[in-house]
Amino acid sequence: MRGEHATTGGAAAAVERSTMRNGQRLPQRSDVHPHAATATPTRRGTSVRLAAATASLVLTLALAACGGPAGPGGPTDPSTTTYLLLDNAGQRSVSVMSSAGALADLTFEANVSLGDGVRPCGMAIGPSGRLFVTDFDGARVLVIDLDGLLDGDASSAARVATITAPGLQEPCGLAFDASGSLWIADRRGSMLPDAFVANQLLQFDASAVAGATGAVELTPVRSIEPLHGTTDTGPDALLESRWITWLGFDDDDRLWFTDVWQASVNRIDAPGTLPLGLVTDVEPDMQLTNPPGSLIMRNPASLAFDATGNVYVGNVGDARALRFVVSRLPSDGRTTVEPDAILTFPISLAASPIAGPRAVTLDAEGALWAAGTNRGLYRVVAPADEDGDVTPGVDTEWTSAGFTDGATFVWTTRTTP
């Protein structure tokens, strides 16, 4: 991996070691559910139409979510799972949904508005338990009190902080690394093919982010520009970055990101060893693309990692999610490894050419969740055993959410007093 060092900045502070869950990183705690080592415990009172529950599971879907307890199993059922579904097109709100278990259907609970003028694009729970939402149009990151959101308020009154950064233009995907540093994917105006500019992956100091209150401007300690402007068109040449919407980390703290325009999944193995400041033309250590003449991976928009070494790829404009064995994706540049399985969801492209299982994740029980831009949410109980057409254990459509630019799932367990 190569890069040209342009400027320097401060070093990122190290905080509590955390582990990976589905593209977002959450801190390890001693008081979380035994089956979810990545959990972030938080306090919770009474939320919108939802009573407090013990050991409730939170799943953040960006198309999608994160949440608190309730649902058909009753507010004290320990198996009850609550989801927050992030809608960034129509309602621009968070839909609260709940489920009583792995085979139970979903129940819609409430919508919580993010406020006028907000166009959310990505969402994650930070190490401190606060909710981070990127505002694509506002070029900022909203830091929201999770209890306040679950109590029905995600507007300015519930915002703990608003983070801006010099030059930040179109923030979308976001994630936390093992040190607690916040990383944001900035598309920087790359909306049209004739206007592609270098995307940036921005790293912000962990302590500065954790201590952010009010309106604060933070300068990234590291700004990575993946390869851009290359003229090499050979079959083995790395593709330049064009439209990055999702980023996340695996258990080895390797940085992964998807490029929907280039139909590629990329990995930078040691982003923390790159120079501080702006680093340009960084070559991914691994770049997974389509084989010649193939469109198996049409518009990769999100990734999810299971506990057995598989990575699932969510797509836009295609009803299929792909499963790859991570160990078969070597750190040697561009690769065209065939998927180990193709999971075809019951999603019709007739109503929308951009439908598909855009946002994917795996929950505490190992079930694969896929949220589609067709306003469908699907759950596959044993995804590692699937290949071909799948019959989801849950097939739910909602009417209060719309299309999304974000594609991030985060789940965690938390205890309540």
Protein backbone atom coordinates (compact mmCIF):
# COMPACT_ATOMS: atom_id res chain seq x y z
CA MET A 1 0.00 0.00 0.00
CA ARG A 2 1.44 3.33 -1.03
CA GLY A 3 0.51 6.93 -0.35
CA GLU A 4 1.94 10.39 -0.72
CA HIS A 5 2.18 12.33 2.54
CA ALA A 6 0.92 15.90 2.18
CA THR A 7 0.43 17.42 5.64
CA THR A 8 0.63 16.34 9.26
CA GLY A 9 -1.71 16.44 12.22
CA GLY A 10 -2.08 15.24 15.82
CA ALA A 11 -2.00 11.62 16.96
CA ALA A 12 -5.16 9.74 17.81
CA ALA A 13 -5.62 8.89 21.47
CA ALA A 14 -5.97 5.25 22.46
CA VAL A 15 -9.01 4.27 24.50
CA GLU A 16 -10.60 1.05 25.63
CA ARG A 17 -9.99 -1.91 23.27
CA SER A 18 -13.12 -2.92 21.37
CA THR A 19 -14.16 -5.61 18.95
CA MET A 20 -15.94 -5.64 15.63
CA ARG A 21 -19.58 -6.21 14.84
CA ASN A 22 -20.83 -5.87 11.29
CA GLY A 23 -18.80 -2.96 10.11
CA GLN A 24 -19.14 -0.84 13.23
CA ARG A 25 -16.98 -1.07 16.31
CA LEU A 26 -18.28 -1.03 19.86
CA PRO A 27 -16.36 -1.31 23.18
CA GLN A 28 -16.14 -4.47 25.24
CA ARG A 29 -17.85 -4.29 28.62
CA SER A 30 -18.18 -6.75 31.49
CA ASP A 31 -21.89 -6.16 31.99
CA VAL A 32 -23.25 -6.95 28.55
CA HIS A 33 -25.10 -9.92 27.15
CA PRO A 34 -22.80 -13.00 27.16
CA HIS A 35 -23.46 -13.66 23.50
CA ALA A 36 -22.56 -10.16 22.31
CA ALA A 37 -18.98 -9.29 23.15
CA THR A 38 -19.22 -6.03 21.23
CA ALA A 39 -22.10 -4.64 23.24
CA THR A 40 -22.44 -1.12 24.55
CA PRO A 41 -24.60 -0.99 27.70
CA THR A 42 -26.69 2.14 28.07
CA ARG A 43 -29.31 3.41 30.45
CA ARG A 44 -32.86 3.75 29.25
CA GLY A 45 -36.12 5.02 30.63
CA THR A 46 -39.52 4.92 28.94
CA SER A 47 -39.33 5.44 25.19
CA VAL A 48 -42.00 6.24 22.64
CA ARG A 49 -44.75 3.71 23.38
CA LEU A 50 -42.04 1.40 24.74
CA ALA A 51 -41.49 0.42 28.37
CA ALA A 52 -38.03 -0.34 29.73
CA ALA A 53 -36.81 -3.94 29.46
CA THR A 54 -33.89 -5.94 30.77
CA ALA A 55 -31.07 -7.22 28.58
CA SER A 56 -32.67 -5.79 25.46
CA LEU A 57 -30.89 -6.09 22.14
CA VAL A 58 -30.26 -3.02 20.03
CA LEU A 59 -29.73 -3.22 16.29
CA THR A 60 -28.84 -0.11 14.34
CA LEU A 61 -29.80 -0.09 10.70
CA ALA A 62 -28.66 2.79 8.61
CA LEU A 63 -30.88 2.41 6.12
CA ALA A 64 -31.38 1.05 9.36
CA ALA A 65 -30.96 1.27 13.06
CA CYS A 66 -30.43 0.78 16.74
CA GLY A 67 -32.84 0.62 19.56
CA GLY A 68 -34.39 -0.46 22.82
CA PRO A 69 -36.93 -2.96 24.14
CA ALA A 70 -40.58 -3.85 23.46
CA GLY A 71 -42.63 -5.83 21.00
CA PRO A 72 -44.94 -8.81 20.84
CA GLY A 73 -43.03 -10.70 23.52
CA GLY A 74 -43.81 -8.01 26.08
CA PRO A 75 -41.62 -5.23 27.48
CA THR A 76 -39.84 -7.55 29.94
CA ASP A 77 -39.19 -10.43 27.55
CA PRO A 78 -35.36 -10.79 27.47
CA SER A 79 -35.52 -12.04 23.88
CA THR A 80 -37.23 -8.88 22.66
CA THR A 81 -35.18 -6.94 20.12
CA THR A 82 -35.81 -3.34 19.13
CA TYR A 83 -34.55 -1.84 15.89
CA LEU A 84 -34.17 1.74 14.80
CA LEU A 85 -34.60 2.17 11.07
CA LEU A 86 -32.95 5.27 9.63
CA ASP A 87 -34.87 6.87 6.76
CA ASN A 88 -32.90 9.58 4.99
CA ALA A 89 -35.09 10.38 2.01
CA GLY A 90 -38.73 10.94 2.87
CA GLN A 91 -39.47 11.06 6.58
CA ARG A 92 -35.83 11.69 7.56
CA SER A 93 -36.64 10.02 10.82
CA VAL A 94 -35.90 6.95 12.89
CA SER A 95 -38.54 4.23 12.85
CA VAL A 96 -38.69 2.12 16.00
CA MET A 97 -39.49 -1.54 15.33
CA SER A 98 -39.41 -4.55 17.65
CA SER A 99 -39.32 -8.33 17.53
CA ALA A 100 -39.81 -11.00 20.18
CA GLY A 101 -37.24 -13.47 18.89
CA ALA A 102 -35.44 -15.08 15.97
CA LEU A 103 -38.63 -16.31 14.30
CA ALA A 104 -41.00 -13.53 15.35
CA ASP A 105 -42.33 -10.89 13.02
CA LEU A 106 -41.58 -7.21 13.43
CA THR A 107 -43.92 -4.70 15.02
CA PHE A 108 -43.79 -1.03 14.12
CA GLU A 109 -43.72 1.17 17.23
CA ALA A 110 -43.07 4.81 16.36
CA ASN A 111 -41.31 7.38 14.20
CA VAL A 112 -38.85 9.82 15.76
CA SER A 113 -38.03 12.87 13.65
CA LEU A 114 -34.41 13.93 13.22
CA GLY A 115 -35.52 17.51 12.64
CA ASP A 116 -35.97 19.75 9.64
CA GLY A 117 -33.09 20.10 7.22
CA VAL A 118 -31.33 16.87 8.20
CA ARG A 119 -30.47 14.35 5.49
CA PRO A 120 -29.00 11.38 7.38
CA CYS A 121 -26.65 9.05 5.55
CA GLY A 122 -25.03 6.83 8.18
CA MET A 123 -25.42 5.97 11.84
CA ALA A 124 -23.34 4.32 14.56
CA ILE A 125 -23.23 3.96 18.32
CA GLY A 126 -20.03 5.38 19.76
CA PRO A 127 -17.89 3.88 22.54
CA SER A 128 -19.64 6.12 25.08
CA GLY A 129 -23.06 4.90 24.01
CA ARG A 130 -23.98 8.09 22.17
CA LEU A 131 -25.57 7.91 18.73
CA PHE A 132 -23.65 9.42 15.79
CA VAL A 133 -25.54 10.34 12.60
CA THR A 134 -23.98 11.91 9.52
CA ASP A 135 -25.94 14.75 7.92
CA PHE A 136 -25.12 14.48 4.22
CA ASP A 137 -26.56 17.85 3.21
CA GLY A 138 -25.44 19.70 6.34
CA ALA A 139 -21.82 18.46 6.15
CA ARG A 140 -21.82 17.59 9.83
CA VAL A 141 -22.14 14.77 12.33
CA LEU A 142 -24.96 14.88 14.86
CA VAL A 143 -24.21 13.38 18.26
CA ILE A 144 -27.52 12.39 19.84
CA ASP A 145 -28.34 11.20 23.33
CA LEU A 146 -29.61 7.66 22.82
CA ASP A 147 -32.00 7.82 25.77
CA GLY A 148 -33.41 11.04 24.40
CA LEU A 149 -33.98 9.48 21.02
CA LEU A 150 -35.71 6.47 22.54
CA ASP A 151 -37.86 8.85 24.56
CA GLY A 152 -39.04 10.33 21.27
CA ASP A 153 -36.66 13.23 20.71
CA ALA A 154 -33.87 13.26 18.12
CA SER A 155 -34.14 16.94 17.24
CA SER A 156 -31.80 19.70 18.37
CA ALA A 157 -32.93 19.40 21.98
CA ALA A 158 -31.52 15.87 22.21
CA ARG A 159 -28.27 16.64 20.39
CA VAL A 160 -25.25 16.45 22.65
CA ALA A 161 -22.93 17.84 19.98
CA THR A 162 -22.67 18.86 16.35
CA ILE A 163 -19.31 18.03 14.79
CA THR A 164 -18.00 19.77 11.68
CA ALA A 165 -14.58 19.57 10.05
CA PRO A 166 -12.60 21.76 7.66
CA GLY A 167 -13.44 20.77 4.10
CA LEU A 168 -16.06 18.18 5.06
CA GLN A 169 -18.60 18.09 2.22
CA GLU A 170 -20.76 14.96 2.00
CA PRO A 171 -20.30 12.70 5.03
CA CYS A 172 -21.95 9.31 4.74
CA GLY A 173 -20.69 6.05 6.26
CA LEU A 174 -19.03 6.17 9.67
CA ALA A 175 -17.45 3.69 12.09
CA PHE A 176 -15.21 3.46 15.14
CA ASP A 177 -11.86 1.65 15.15
CA ALA A 178 -10.24 -0.29 18.00
CA SER A 179 -8.82 2.87 19.58
CA GLY A 180 -12.20 4.60 19.62
CA SER A 181 -11.30 6.93 16.75
CA LEU A 182 -14.20 8.01 14.57
CA TRP A 183 -13.84 7.42 10.83
CA ILE A 184 -16.08 9.05 8.23
CA ALA A 185 -16.41 8.49 4.49
CA ASP A 186 -16.68 11.84 2.67
CA ARG A 187 -17.84 11.63 -0.94
CA ARG A 188 -16.84 15.26 -1.53
CA GLY A 189 -19.19 16.04 -4.41
CA SER A 190 -18.79 12.77 -6.31
CA MET A 191 -22.41 12.61 -7.39
CA LEU A 192 -22.04 12.48 -11.18
CA PRO A 193 -19.68 10.46 -13.40
CA ASP A 194 -18.19 13.62 -14.91
CA ALA A 195 -17.56 15.16 -11.49
CA PHE A 196 -15.68 12.42 -9.68
CA VAL A 197 -13.19 13.75 -7.18
CA ALA A 198 -11.03 11.95 -4.67
CA ASN A 199 -13.14 10.54 -1.85
CA GLN A 200 -11.66 10.77 1.62
CA LEU A 201 -11.67 8.49 4.65
CA LEU A 202 -11.28 10.79 7.66
CA GLN A 203 -10.00 9.74 11.09
CA PHE A 204 -10.83 11.86 14.15
CA ASP A 205 -9.08 11.72 17.52
CA ALA A 206 -10.89 9.41 19.94
CA SER A 207 -10.67 11.68 22.98
CA ALA A 208 -11.77 14.74 21.00
CA VAL A 209 -14.83 12.89 19.70
CA ALA A 210 -15.68 11.42 23.10
CA GLY A 211 -15.49 14.85 24.72
CA ALA A 212 -17.39 16.74 22.03
CA THR A 213 -20.21 18.93 23.32
CA GLY A 214 -22.11 21.73 21.65
CA ALA A 215 -20.98 22.99 18.25
CA VAL A 216 -17.41 21.87 17.70
CA GLU A 217 -15.06 21.80 14.72
CA LEU A 218 -12.57 18.94 14.72
CA THR A 219 -9.63 18.58 12.37
CA PRO A 220 -9.05 15.00 11.23
CA VAL A 221 -5.75 13.52 12.36
CA ARG A 222 -5.58 11.49 9.17
CA SER A 223 -7.27 12.00 5.78
CA ILE A 224 -6.86 9.04 3.46
CA GLU A 225 -7.60 9.46 -0.24
CA PRO A 226 -7.84 6.03 -1.87
CA LEU A 227 -6.32 5.71 -5.32
CA HIS A 228 -7.79 8.34 -7.65
CA GLY A 229 -7.05 9.66 -11.12
CA THR A 230 -5.18 6.57 -12.30
CA THR A 231 -4.95 6.02 -16.06
CA ASP A 232 -3.95 2.36 -15.79
CA THR A 233 -6.74 0.31 -17.37
CA GLY A 234 -5.09 -3.09 -17.36
CA PRO A 235 -7.07 -6.13 -16.16
CA ASP A 236 -5.01 -6.32 -12.96
CA ALA A 237 -4.84 -2.58 -12.33
CA LEU A 238 -6.44 -1.21 -9.19
CA LEU A 239 -9.60 0.80 -9.84
CA GLU A 240 -9.68 4.38 -8.61
CA SER A 241 -12.12 5.38 -5.90
CA ARG A 242 -15.26 7.17 -7.07
CA TRP A 243 -18.22 6.85 -4.74
CA ILE A 244 -17.58 5.50 -1.24
CA THR A 245 -20.64 5.27 0.99
CA TRP A 246 -19.78 2.59 3.57
CA LEU A 247 -16.75 1.89 5.73
CA GLY A 248 -16.04 -0.36 8.70
CA PHE A 249 -13.44 -2.41 10.54
CA ASP A 250 -12.95 -6.12 11.09
CA ASP A 251 -11.57 -7.83 14.21
CA ASP A 252 -8.02 -7.25 12.98
CA ASP A 253 -8.70 -3.50 12.75
CA ARG A 254 -8.45 -3.56 8.97
CA LEU A 255 -10.40 -0.81 7.23
CA TRP A 256 -12.98 -1.97 4.66
CA PHE A 257 -14.99 0.25 2.33
CA THR A 258 -17.38 -0.21 -0.59
CA ASP A 259 -17.41 1.80 -3.82
CA VAL A 260 -20.82 1.58 -5.47
CA TRP A 261 -19.75 3.19 -8.75
CA GLN A 262 -16.74 0.94 -9.21
CA ALA A 263 -18.55 -2.17 -7.94
CA SER A 264 -15.65 -2.91 -5.62
CA VAL A 265 -15.03 -3.97 -2.04
CA ASN A 266 -11.75 -2.61 -0.70
CA ARG A 267 -9.55 -3.21 2.33
CA ILE A 268 -6.66 -1.22 3.81
CA ASP A 269 -4.84 -3.51 6.20
CA ALA A 270 -3.02 -0.99 8.43
CA PRO A 271 -4.60 2.46 8.10
CA GLY A 272 -3.14 3.56 11.43
CA THR A 273 0.41 3.20 10.11
CA LEU A 274 -0.10 5.72 7.32
CA PRO A 275 1.33 9.22 7.84
CA LEU A 276 -0.79 11.72 9.72
CA GLY A 277 -2.53 14.47 7.80
CA LEU A 278 -3.51 14.11 4.16
CA VAL A 279 -2.32 10.94 2.44
CA THR A 280 -3.15 10.72 -1.27
CA ASP A 281 -3.38 7.89 -3.80
CA VAL A 282 -3.49 5.15 -1.18
CA GLU A 283 -3.70 1.75 -2.85
CA PRO A 284 -6.01 -0.77 -1.16
CA ASP A 285 -4.24 -3.92 -0.02
CA MET A 286 -7.20 -5.88 -1.32
CA GLN A 287 -9.73 -4.82 -3.94
CA LEU A 288 -12.49 -7.28 -4.80
CA THR A 289 -14.10 -6.61 -8.18
CA ASN A 290 -16.23 -8.45 -10.69
CA PRO A 291 -14.64 -11.04 -12.98
CA PRO A 292 -14.36 -9.81 -16.60
CA GLY A 293 -17.78 -9.69 -18.26
CA SER A 294 -19.60 -10.35 -14.99
CA LEU A 295 -21.95 -8.24 -12.88
CA ILE A 296 -22.24 -10.51 -9.88
CA MET A 297 -21.50 -7.57 -7.59
CA ARG A 298 -23.54 -4.75 -9.09
CA ASN A 299 -23.48 -1.89 -6.58
CA PRO A 300 -21.95 -3.07 -3.29
CA ALA A 301 -23.30 -0.87 -0.52
CA SER A 302 -22.55 -2.60 2.79
CA LEU A 303 -20.67 -5.47 4.41
CA ALA A 304 -21.33 -7.78 7.35
CA PHE A 305 -18.90 -10.22 8.96
CA ASP A 306 -19.91 -13.41 10.76
CA ALA A 307 -18.07 -15.31 13.47
CA THR A 308 -16.85 -18.06 11.13
CA GLY A 309 -14.84 -15.93 8.70
CA ASN A 310 -17.44 -14.99 6.10
CA VAL A 311 -18.21 -11.55 4.75
CA TYR A 312 -21.61 -10.73 3.24
CA VAL A 313 -22.00 -8.01 0.61
CA GLY A 314 -25.25 -6.06 0.27
CA ASN A 315 -26.11 -4.72 -3.20
CA VAL A 316 -28.23 -2.03 -4.82
CA GLY A 317 -30.04 -2.70 -8.11
CA ASP A 318 -29.81 -6.44 -7.56
CA ALA A 319 -31.85 -8.80 -5.40
CA ARG A 320 -28.77 -10.74 -4.35
CA ALA A 321 -26.38 -10.60 -1.40
CA LEU A 322 -23.01 -12.31 -1.80
CA ARG A 323 -21.03 -14.40 0.66
CA PHE A 324 -17.23 -14.64 0.53
CA VAL A 325 -14.71 -16.40 2.75
CA VAL A 326 -12.46 -13.60 4.02
CA SER A 327 -9.34 -15.78 3.98
CA ARG A 328 -9.75 -16.20 0.23
CA LEU A 329 -9.40 -12.45 -0.31
CA PRO A 330 -5.62 -12.01 -0.23
CA SER A 331 -3.71 -8.79 0.44
CA ASP A 332 -2.25 -8.54 -3.04
CA GLY A 333 -4.21 -5.84 -4.84
CA ARG A 334 -7.07 -6.44 -7.23
CA THR A 335 -8.80 -9.81 -7.09
CA THR A 336 -11.81 -11.35 -8.83
CA VAL A 337 -12.64 -14.18 -6.43
CA GLU A 338 -16.01 -15.78 -7.17
CA PRO A 339 -18.51 -15.64 -4.29
CA ASP A 340 -18.85 -18.76 -2.19
CA ALA A 341 -22.62 -18.30 -2.20
CA ILE A 342 -25.23 -16.03 -3.74
CA LEU A 343 -28.31 -15.35 -1.61
CA THR A 344 -31.25 -14.16 -3.71
CA PHE A 345 -33.93 -12.29 -1.77
CA PRO A 346 -37.60 -12.00 -2.80
CA ILE A 347 -37.09 -8.42 -3.97
CA SER A 348 -38.62 -7.21 -7.23
CA LEU A 349 -36.74 -4.64 -9.28
CA ALA A 350 -39.90 -3.77 -11.23
CA ALA A 351 -40.98 -0.98 -8.89
CA SER A 352 -37.50 0.48 -8.53
CA PRO A 353 -34.27 -0.22 -10.41
CA ILE A 354 -32.30 0.58 -7.26
CA ALA A 355 -34.04 -1.96 -5.05
CA GLY A 356 -32.00 -4.65 -3.37
CA PRO A 357 -30.62 -5.85 -0.01
CA ARG A 358 -28.67 -2.65 0.45
CA ALA A 359 -27.87 -2.79 4.16
CA VAL A 360 -26.79 -6.10 5.69
CA THR A 361 -25.77 -7.20 9.17
CA LEU A 362 -25.72 -10.23 11.46
CA ASP A 363 -27.36 -10.15 14.87
CA ALA A 364 -26.39 -11.79 18.16
CA GLU A 365 -27.92 -15.10 17.08
CA GLY A 366 -26.03 -15.13 13.77
CA ALA A 367 -29.06 -14.29 11.65
CA LEU A 368 -28.49 -12.17 8.55
CA TRP A 369 -30.60 -9.05 8.26
CA ALA A 370 -31.02 -7.22 4.96
CA ALA A 371 -32.82 -3.90 4.57
CA GLY A 372 -33.83 -3.04 1.03
CA THR A 373 -34.54 0.23 -0.70
CA ASN A 374 -37.89 -1.37 -1.60
CA ARG A 375 -38.88 -0.67 2.02
CA GLY A 376 -38.45 -4.33 2.90
CA LEU A 377 -36.62 -5.83 5.86
CA TYR A 378 -35.58 -9.49 5.69
CA ARG A 379 -34.06 -11.94 8.16
CA VAL A 380 -32.28 -15.20 7.24
CA VAL A 381 -31.76 -17.37 10.31
CA ALA A 382 -28.83 -19.52 9.08
CA PRO A 383 -27.17 -17.55 6.26
CA ALA A 384 -23.99 -19.65 6.17
CA ASP A 385 -26.13 -22.62 5.07
CA GLU A 386 -27.87 -20.71 2.27
CA ASP A 387 -27.08 -20.55 -1.43
CA GLY A 388 -29.57 -19.51 -4.09
CA ASP A 389 -33.13 -18.36 -3.39
CA VAL A 390 -33.74 -17.68 0.28
CA THR A 391 -37.00 -17.64 2.20
CA PRO A 392 -36.53 -15.08 4.97
CA GLY A 393 -37.83 -15.89 8.42
CA VAL A 394 -39.10 -12.31 8.50
CA ASP A 395 -40.34 -10.49 5.41
CA THR A 396 -41.60 -7.08 6.49
CA GLU A 397 -42.48 -3.95 4.56
CA TRP A 398 -42.91 -0.54 6.16
CA THR A 399 -44.70 2.52 4.85
CA SER A 400 -42.99 5.26 6.81
CA ALA A 401 -39.43 4.89 5.53
CA GLY A 402 -37.85 5.67 2.20
CA PHE A 403 -34.72 5.17 0.16
CA THR A 404 -31.31 5.59 1.72
CA ASP A 405 -27.81 6.70 0.86
CA GLY A 406 -26.44 5.05 3.96
CA ALA A 407 -25.83 1.35 4.38
CA THR A 408 -24.78 0.53 7.91
CA PHE A 409 -26.03 -1.87 10.57
CA VAL A 410 -24.90 -1.80 14.19
CA TRP A 411 -26.27 -3.96 16.95
CA THR A 412 -25.44 -4.13 20.64
CA THR A 413 -26.98 -5.34 23.89
CA ARG A 414 -27.47 -3.12 26.89
CA THR A 415 -28.85 -3.46 30.39
CA THR A 416 -31.39 -1.18 32.02
CA PRO A 417 -31.74 -0.24 35.71
